[in-house]
């Protein structure tokens, strides 16, 4: 149970970090970058790709099967 909470929080933090950098890099549009160049730039940055990794971790944590504990006498 604690591992699921840990991985959920880890994934959520990665999503927040990735989207934070995407918002920060929106300033490139004011410097004359086009939308296409902006998305190509975002796809090459590791800190922005962490949002995709975080989303996958959260998805696996929420949708993953939980182990059933069997009591043995």
C-alpha atoms as a PDB file:
ATOM      1  CA  UNK A   1       0.000   0.000   0.000  1.00  0.00           C
ATOM      2  CA  UNK A   2       2.786   2.398   0.878  1.00  0.00           C
ATOM      3  CA  UNK A   3       4.614   1.628  -2.354  1.00  0.00           C
ATOM      4  CA  UNK A   4       1.502   2.545  -4.371  1.00  0.00           C
ATOM      5  CA  UNK A   5       1.244   5.861  -2.518  1.00  0.00           C
ATOM      6  CA  UNK A   6       4.945   6.509  -3.064  1.00  0.00           C
ATOM      7  CA  UNK A   7       4.761   5.818  -6.804  1.00  0.00           C
ATOM      8  CA  UNK A   8       1.583   7.884  -7.129  1.00  0.00           C
ATOM      9  CA  UNK A   9       3.255  10.867  -5.459  1.00  0.00           C
ATOM     10  CA  UNK A  10       6.411  10.375  -7.527  1.00  0.00           C
ATOM     11  CA  UNK A  11       4.397  10.325 -10.749  1.00  0.00           C
ATOM     12  CA  UNK A  12       2.385  13.363  -9.691  1.00  0.00           C
ATOM     13  CA  UNK A  13       5.565  15.316  -8.895  1.00  0.00           C
ATOM     14  CA  UNK A  14       7.037  14.413 -12.305  1.00  0.00           C
ATOM     15  CA  UNK A  15       3.846  15.610 -14.022  1.00  0.00           C
ATOM     16  CA  UNK A  16       3.961  18.919 -12.152  1.00  0.00           C
ATOM     17  CA  UNK A  17       7.643  19.466 -12.967  1.00  0.00           C
ATOM     18  CA  UNK A  18       7.113  18.685 -16.654  1.00  0.00           C
ATOM     19  CA  UNK A  19       4.130  20.993 -17.040  1.00  0.00           C
ATOM     20  CA  UNK A  20       5.881  23.738 -15.087  1.00  0.00           C
ATOM     21  CA  UNK A  21       8.752  23.702 -17.578  1.00  0.00           C
ATOM     22  CA  UNK A  22       6.324  23.631 -20.509  1.00  0.00           C
ATOM     23  CA  UNK A  23       4.686  26.782 -19.186  1.00  0.00           C
ATOM     24  CA  UNK A  24       8.054  28.427 -18.612  1.00  0.00           C
ATOM     25  CA  UNK A  25       9.129  27.585 -22.162  1.00  0.00           C
ATOM     26  CA  UNK A  26       6.003  29.302 -23.514  1.00  0.00           C
ATOM     27  CA  UNK A  27       8.133  32.452 -23.370  1.00  0.00           C
ATOM     28  CA  UNK A  28       9.875  31.177 -26.494  1.00  0.00           C
ATOM     29  CA  UNK A  29       6.775  32.139 -28.469  1.00  0.00           C
ATOM     30  CA  UNK A  30       7.372  35.785 -27.593  1.00  0.00           C
ATOM     31  CA  UNK A  31      10.896  35.498 -29.039  1.00  0.00           C
ATOM     32  CA  UNK A  32       9.549  34.561 -32.457  1.00  0.00           C
ATOM     33  CA  UNK A  33       9.340  30.774 -32.291  1.00  0.00           C
ATOM     34  CA  UNK A  34       6.397  29.186 -34.073  1.00  0.00           C
ATOM     35  CA  UNK A  35       4.085  26.658 -32.450  1.00  0.00           C
ATOM     36  CA  UNK A  36       5.745  23.863 -34.452  1.00  0.00           C
ATOM     37  CA  UNK A  37       9.219  24.901 -33.279  1.00  0.00           C
ATOM     38  CA  UNK A  38       7.920  25.156 -29.701  1.00  0.00           C
ATOM     39  CA  UNK A  39       6.582  21.578 -29.721  1.00  0.00           C
ATOM     40  CA  UNK A  40       9.762  20.266 -31.342  1.00  0.00           C
ATOM     41  CA  UNK A  41      11.756  22.024 -28.623  1.00  0.00           C
ATOM     42  CA  UNK A  42       9.515  20.576 -25.891  1.00  0.00           C
ATOM     43  CA  UNK A  43       9.933  17.051 -27.273  1.00  0.00           C
ATOM     44  CA  UNK A  44      13.729  17.319 -26.979  1.00  0.00           C
ATOM     45  CA  UNK A  45      13.829  18.481 -23.349  1.00  0.00           C
ATOM     46  CA  UNK A  46      14.158  15.798 -20.673  1.00  0.00           C
ATOM     47  CA  UNK A  47      12.428  17.858 -17.999  1.00  0.00           C
ATOM     48  CA  UNK A  48       9.357  18.193 -20.219  1.00  0.00           C
ATOM     49  CA  UNK A  49       9.357  14.501 -21.066  1.00  0.00           C
ATOM     50  CA  UNK A  50       9.179  13.760 -17.361  1.00  0.00           C
ATOM     51  CA  UNK A  51       5.491  14.677 -17.486  1.00  0.00           C
ATOM     52  CA  UNK A  52       4.863  11.737 -19.841  1.00  0.00           C
ATOM     53  CA  UNK A  53       6.813   9.396 -17.565  1.00  0.00           C
ATOM     54  CA  UNK A  54       4.897  10.708 -14.550  1.00  0.00           C
ATOM     55  CA  UNK A  55       1.585  10.169 -16.318  1.00  0.00           C
ATOM     56  CA  UNK A  56       2.528   6.558 -17.080  1.00  0.00           C
ATOM     57  CA  UNK A  57       3.546   5.953 -13.450  1.00  0.00           C
ATOM     58  CA  UNK A  58       0.287   7.428 -12.124  1.00  0.00           C
ATOM     59  CA  UNK A  59      -1.729   5.436 -14.636  1.00  0.00           C
ATOM     60  CA  UNK A  60      -0.025   2.182 -13.650  1.00  0.00           C
ATOM     61  CA  UNK A  61      -0.453   2.980  -9.981  1.00  0.00           C
ATOM     62  CA  UNK A  62      -4.154   3.745 -10.224  1.00  0.00           C
ATOM     63  CA  UNK A  63      -5.101   0.999 -12.694  1.00  0.00           C
ATOM     64  CA  UNK A  64      -2.735  -1.687 -11.439  1.00  0.00           C
ATOM     65  CA  UNK A  65      -3.982  -4.746  -9.650  1.00  0.00           C
ATOM     66  CA  UNK A  66      -3.457  -4.947  -5.946  1.00  0.00           C
ATOM     67  CA  UNK A  67      -2.087  -8.145  -4.455  1.00  0.00           C
ATOM     68  CA  UNK A  68      -4.540 -10.131  -2.394  1.00  0.00           C
ATOM     69  CA  UNK A  69      -3.238 -11.314   0.927  1.00  0.00           C
ATOM     70  CA  UNK A  70      -4.219 -14.842   1.825  1.00  0.00           C
ATOM     71  CA  UNK A  71      -4.395 -15.790   5.474  1.00  0.00           C
ATOM     72  CA  UNK A  72      -2.978 -19.196   6.218  1.00  0.00           C
ATOM     73  CA  UNK A  73      -3.638 -21.046   9.377  1.00  0.00           C
END
